PDB file of N, CA and C in Angstrom:
ATOM      1  N   MET A   1     109.564 100.789  46.503  1.00  0.00           N
ATOM      2  CA  MET A   1     108.561 100.114  47.312  1.00  0.00           C
ATOM      3  C   MET A   1     107.257 100.025  46.522  1.00  0.00           C
ATOM      4  N   THR A   2     106.545  98.984  46.785  1.00  0.00           N
ATOM      5  CA  THR A   2     105.268  98.837  46.108  1.00  0.00           C
ATOM      6  C   THR A   2     104.171  99.511  46.919  1.00  0.00           C
ATOM      7  N   ILE A   3     103.050  99.722  46.285  1.00  0.00           N
ATOM      8  CA  ILE A   3     101.926 100.356  46.964  1.00  0.00           C
ATOM      9  C   ILE A   3     101.428  99.480  48.117  1.00  0.00           C
ATOM     10  N   LYS A   4     101.514  98.162  47.956  1.00  0.00           N
ATOM     11  CA  LYS A   4     101.086  97.233  49.008  1.00  0.00           C
ATOM     12  C   LYS A   4     101.941  97.396  50.263  1.00  0.00           C
ATOM     13  N   THR A   5     103.244  97.557  50.091  1.00  0.00           N
ATOM     14  CA  THR A   5     104.144  97.755  51.220  1.00  0.00           C
ATOM     15  C   THR A   5     103.867  99.082  51.907  1.00  0.00           C
ATOM     16  N   LEU A   6     103.641 100.127  51.125  1.00  0.00           N
ATOM     17  CA  LEU A   6     103.341 101.443  51.701  1.00  0.00           C
ATOM     18  C   LEU A   6     102.034 101.428  52.486  1.00  0.00           C
ATOM     19  N   LEU A   7     101.012 100.782  51.948  1.00  0.00           N
ATOM     20  CA  LEU A   7      99.730 100.718  52.651  1.00  0.00           C
ATOM     21  C   LEU A   7      99.830  99.894  53.930  1.00  0.00           C
ATOM     22  N   THR A   8     100.587  98.817  53.897  1.00  0.00           N
ATOM     23  CA  THR A   8     100.782  97.993  55.093  1.00  0.00           C
ATOM     24  C   THR A   8     101.516  98.772  56.171  1.00  0.00           C
ATOM     25  N   THR A   9     102.557  99.483  55.781  1.00  0.00           N
ATOM     26  CA  THR A   9     103.318 100.300  56.732  1.00  0.00           C
ATOM     27  C   THR A   9     102.443 101.385  57.342  1.00  0.00           C
ATOM     28  N   ALA A  10     101.643 102.042  56.523  1.00  0.00           N
ATOM     29  CA  ALA A  10     100.752 103.090  57.019  1.00  0.00           C
ATOM     30  C   ALA A  10      99.716 102.522  57.980  1.00  0.00           C
ATOM     31  N   ALA A  11      99.158 101.362  57.644  1.00  0.00           N
ATOM     32  CA  ALA A  11      98.151 100.747  58.510  1.00  0.00           C
ATOM     33  C   ALA A  11      98.745 100.356  59.859  1.00  0.00           C
ATOM     34  N   LEU A  12      99.939  99.786  59.851  1.00  0.00           N
ATOM     35  CA  LEU A  12     100.582  99.408  61.113  1.00  0.00           C
ATOM     36  C   LEU A  12     100.941 100.628  61.953  1.00  0.00           C
ATOM     37  N   THR A  13     101.374 101.684  61.319  1.00  0.00           N
ATOM     38  CA  THR A  13     101.711 102.917  62.043  1.00  0.00           C
ATOM     39  C   THR A  13     100.467 103.515  62.688  1.00  0.00           C
ATOM     40  N   ILE A  14      99.382 103.566  61.952  1.00  0.00           N
ATOM     41  CA  ILE A  14      98.132 104.127  62.486  1.00  0.00           C
ATOM     42  C   ILE A  14      97.593 103.247  63.612  1.00  0.00           C
ATOM     43  N   ALA A  15      97.658 101.932  63.438  1.00  0.00           N
ATOM     44  CA  ALA A  15      97.165 101.022  64.468  1.00  0.00           C
ATOM     45  C   ALA A  15      97.952 101.175  65.764  1.00  0.00           C
ATOM     46  N   THR A  16      99.253 101.326  65.654  1.00  0.00           N
ATOM     47  CA  THR A  16     100.090 101.505  66.839  1.00  0.00           C
ATOM     48  C   THR A  16      99.774 102.819  67.537  1.00  0.00           C
ATOM     49  N   ALA A  17      99.629 103.875  66.778  1.00  0.00           N
ATOM     50  CA  ALA A  17      99.350 105.193  67.359  1.00  0.00           C
ATOM     51  C   ALA A  17      97.983 105.222  68.036  1.00  0.00           C
ATOM     52  N   THR A  18      96.979 104.648  67.402  1.00  0.00           N
ATOM     53  CA  THR A  18      95.637 104.695  67.986  1.00  0.00           C
ATOM     54  C   THR A  18      95.506 103.758  69.181  1.00  0.00           C
ATOM     55  N   SER A  19      96.210 102.640  69.195  1.00  0.00           N
ATOM     56  CA  SER A  19      96.121 101.756  70.349  1.00  0.00           C
ATOM     57  C   SER A  19      96.778 102.391  71.569  1.00  0.00           C
ATOM     58  N   GLY A  20      97.849 103.135  71.372  1.00  0.00           N
ATOM     59  CA  GLY A  20      98.480 103.846  72.476  1.00  0.00           C
ATOM     60  C   GLY A  20      97.576 104.923  73.033  1.00  0.00           C
ATOM     61  N   PHE A  21      96.853 105.594  72.156  1.00  0.00           N
ATOM     62  CA  PHE A  21      95.920 106.635  72.588  1.00  0.00           C
ATOM     63  C   PHE A  21      94.732 106.014  73.313  1.00  0.00           C
ATOM     64  N   ALA A  22      94.213 104.921  72.785  1.00  0.00           N
ATOM     65  CA  ALA A  22      93.040 104.286  73.377  1.00  0.00           C
ATOM     66  C   ALA A  22      93.341 103.739  74.772  1.00  0.00           C
ATOM     67  N   ALA A  23      94.557 103.297  74.995  1.00  0.00           N
ATOM     68  CA  ALA A  23      94.921 102.749  76.296  1.00  0.00           C
ATOM     69  C   ALA A  23      94.942 103.828  77.375  1.00  0.00           C
ATOM     70  N   CYS A  24      95.159 105.073  77.006  1.00  0.00           N
ATOM     71  CA  CYS A  24      95.272 106.158  77.977  1.00  0.00           C
ATOM     72  C   CYS A  24      94.077 107.098  77.955  1.00  0.00           C
ATOM     73  N   PHE A  25      93.056 106.795  77.202  1.00  0.00           N
ATOM     74  CA  PHE A  25      91.924 107.698  77.044  1.00  0.00           C
ATOM     75  C   PHE A  25      90.900 107.505  78.153  1.00  0.00           C
ATOM     76  N   ASP A  26      90.403 108.597  78.672  1.00  0.00           N
ATOM     77  CA  ASP A  26      89.289 108.623  79.622  1.00  0.00           C
ATOM     78  C   ASP A  26      89.608 107.942  80.946  1.00  0.00           C
ATOM     79  N   HIS A  27      90.792 108.135  81.462  1.00  0.00           N
ATOM     80  CA  HIS A  27      91.139 107.647  82.788  1.00  0.00           C
ATOM     81  C   HIS A  27      91.074 108.827  83.749  1.00  0.00           C
ATOM     82  N   GLU A  28      90.164 108.746  84.699  1.00  0.00           N
ATOM     83  CA  GLU A  28      90.022 109.839  85.650  1.00  0.00           C
ATOM     84  C   GLU A  28      90.435 109.440  87.058  1.00  0.00           C
ATOM     85  N   GLU A  29      90.536 108.149  87.310  1.00  0.00           N
ATOM     86  CA  GLU A  29      90.873 107.691  88.647  1.00  0.00           C
ATOM     87  C   GLU A  29      92.332 107.250  88.680  1.00  0.00           C
ATOM     88  N   VAL A  30      93.076 107.758  89.654  1.00  0.00           N
ATOM     89  CA  VAL A  30      94.486 107.418  89.802  1.00  0.00           C
ATOM     90  C   VAL A  30      94.669 106.655  91.095  1.00  0.00           C
ATOM     91  N   SER A  31      95.509 105.666  91.058  1.00  0.00           N
ATOM     92  CA  SER A  31      95.764 104.868  92.245  1.00  0.00           C
ATOM     93  C   SER A  31      97.046 105.342  92.914  1.00  0.00           C
ATOM     94  N   MET A  32      96.989 105.566  94.218  1.00  0.00           N
ATOM     95  CA  MET A  32      98.147 106.005  94.977  1.00  0.00           C
ATOM     96  C   MET A  32      98.528 104.906  95.945  1.00  0.00           C
ATOM     97  N   THR A  33      99.784 104.536  95.958  1.00  0.00           N
ATOM     98  CA  THR A  33     100.272 103.509  96.867  1.00  0.00           C
ATOM     99  C   THR A  33     101.214 104.152  97.877  1.00  0.00           C
ATOM    100  N   CYS A  34     100.930 103.908  99.133  1.00  0.00           N
ATOM    101  CA  CYS A  34     101.772 104.435 100.210  1.00  0.00           C
ATOM    102  C   CYS A  34     102.532 103.288 100.871  1.00  0.00           C
ATOM    103  N   ALA A  35     103.598 103.617 101.535  1.00  0.00           N
ATOM    104  CA  ALA A  35     104.414 102.623 102.237  1.00  0.00           C
ATOM    105  C   ALA A  35     103.639 102.050 103.424  1.00  0.00           C
ATOM    106  N   ASN A  36     104.100 100.910 103.918  1.00  0.00           N
ATOM    107  CA  ASN A  36     103.476 100.306 105.103  1.00  0.00           C
ATOM    108  C   ASN A  36     103.533 101.285 106.269  1.00  0.00           C
ATOM    109  N   GLY A  37     102.436 101.392 106.997  1.00  0.00           N
ATOM    110  CA  GLY A  37     102.371 102.288 108.143  1.00  0.00           C
ATOM    111  C   GLY A  37     101.939 103.690 107.782  1.00  0.00           C
ATOM    112  N   THR A  38     101.615 103.913 106.507  1.00  0.00           N
ATOM    113  CA  THR A  38     101.134 105.234 106.075  1.00  0.00           C
ATOM    114  C   THR A  38      99.830 105.062 105.312  1.00  0.00           C
ATOM    115  N   VAL A  39      99.083 106.140 105.220  1.00  0.00           N
ATOM    116  CA  VAL A  39      97.814 106.143 104.506  1.00  0.00           C
ATOM    117  C   VAL A  39      97.750 107.395 103.641  1.00  0.00           C
ATOM    118  N   TYR A  40      97.089 107.294 102.488  1.00  0.00           N
ATOM    119  CA  TYR A  40      97.002 108.432 101.566  1.00  0.00           C
ATOM    120  C   TYR A  40      96.013 109.470 102.079  1.00  0.00           C
ATOM    121  N   ASP A  41      96.429 110.728 102.086  1.00  0.00           N
ATOM    122  CA  ASP A  41      95.584 111.849 102.475  1.00  0.00           C
ATOM    123  C   ASP A  41      95.241 112.631 101.211  1.00  0.00           C
ATOM    124  N   ALA A  42      93.982 112.545 100.778  1.00  0.00           N
ATOM    125  CA  ALA A  42      93.561 113.178  99.530  1.00  0.00           C
ATOM    126  C   ALA A  42      93.592 114.704  99.608  1.00  0.00           C
ATOM    127  N   ASP A  43      93.450 115.255 100.791  1.00  0.00           N
ATOM    128  CA  ASP A  43      93.458 116.716 100.942  1.00  0.00           C
ATOM    129  C   ASP A  43      94.829 117.304 100.623  1.00  0.00           C
ATOM    130  N   THR A  44      95.884 116.618 101.050  1.00  0.00           N
ATOM    131  CA  THR A  44      97.242 117.134 100.836  1.00  0.00           C
ATOM    132  C   THR A  44      97.989 116.389  99.735  1.00  0.00           C
ATOM    133  N   ASN A  45      97.360 115.326  99.190  1.00  0.00           N
ATOM    134  CA  ASN A  45      97.982 114.499  98.147  1.00  0.00           C
ATOM    135  C   ASN A  45      99.326 113.922  98.585  1.00  0.00           C
ATOM    136  N   THR A  46      99.393 113.519  99.853  1.00  0.00           N
ATOM    137  CA  THR A  46     100.612 112.912 100.383  1.00  0.00           C
ATOM    138  C   THR A  46     100.255 111.710 101.233  1.00  0.00           C
ATOM    139  N   CYS A  47     101.252 110.934 101.597  1.00  0.00           N
ATOM    140  CA  CYS A  47     101.070 109.816 102.512  1.00  0.00           C
ATOM    141  C   CYS A  47     101.361 110.295 103.936  1.00  0.00           C
ATOM    142  N   LYS A  48     100.448 109.993 104.840  1.00  0.00           N
ATOM    143  CA  LYS A  48     100.596 110.404 106.240  1.00  0.00           C
ATOM    144  C   LYS A  48     100.849 109.172 107.091  1.00  0.00           C
ATOM    145  N   VAL A  49     101.675 109.321 108.125  1.00  0.00           N
ATOM    146  CA  VAL A  49     101.983 108.231 109.043  1.00  0.00           C
ATOM    147  C   VAL A  49     100.753 107.960 109.894  1.00  0.00           C
ATOM    148  N   VAL A  50     100.409 106.675 110.011  1.00  0.00           N
ATOM    149  CA  VAL A  50      99.277 106.271 110.836  1.00  0.00           C
ATOM    150  C   VAL A  50      99.739 106.189 112.274  1.00  0.00           C
ATOM    151  N   SER A  51      99.042 106.894 113.157  1.00  0.00           N
ATOM    152  CA  SER A  51      99.441 106.850 114.574  1.00  0.00           C
ATOM    153  C   SER A  51      98.390 106.074 115.370  1.00  0.00           C
ATOM    154  N   GLY A  52      98.887 105.363 116.353  1.00  0.00           N
ATOM    155  CA  GLY A  52      97.993 104.715 117.271  1.00  0.00           C
ATOM    156  C   GLY A  52      97.707 103.327 116.979  1.00  0.00           C
TER     157      GLY A  52
END
């Protein structure tokens, strides 16, 4: 392999690794989806049935 091929491979590997990290970095808010007729209860971290 030539040095050009090695450098290209290394650059693509680093770019892929850092883009995956950047996509998941500093996310503190999570979205919770509950079924119809239920609502998310943050105290118990579960979906509760809506009554009434």
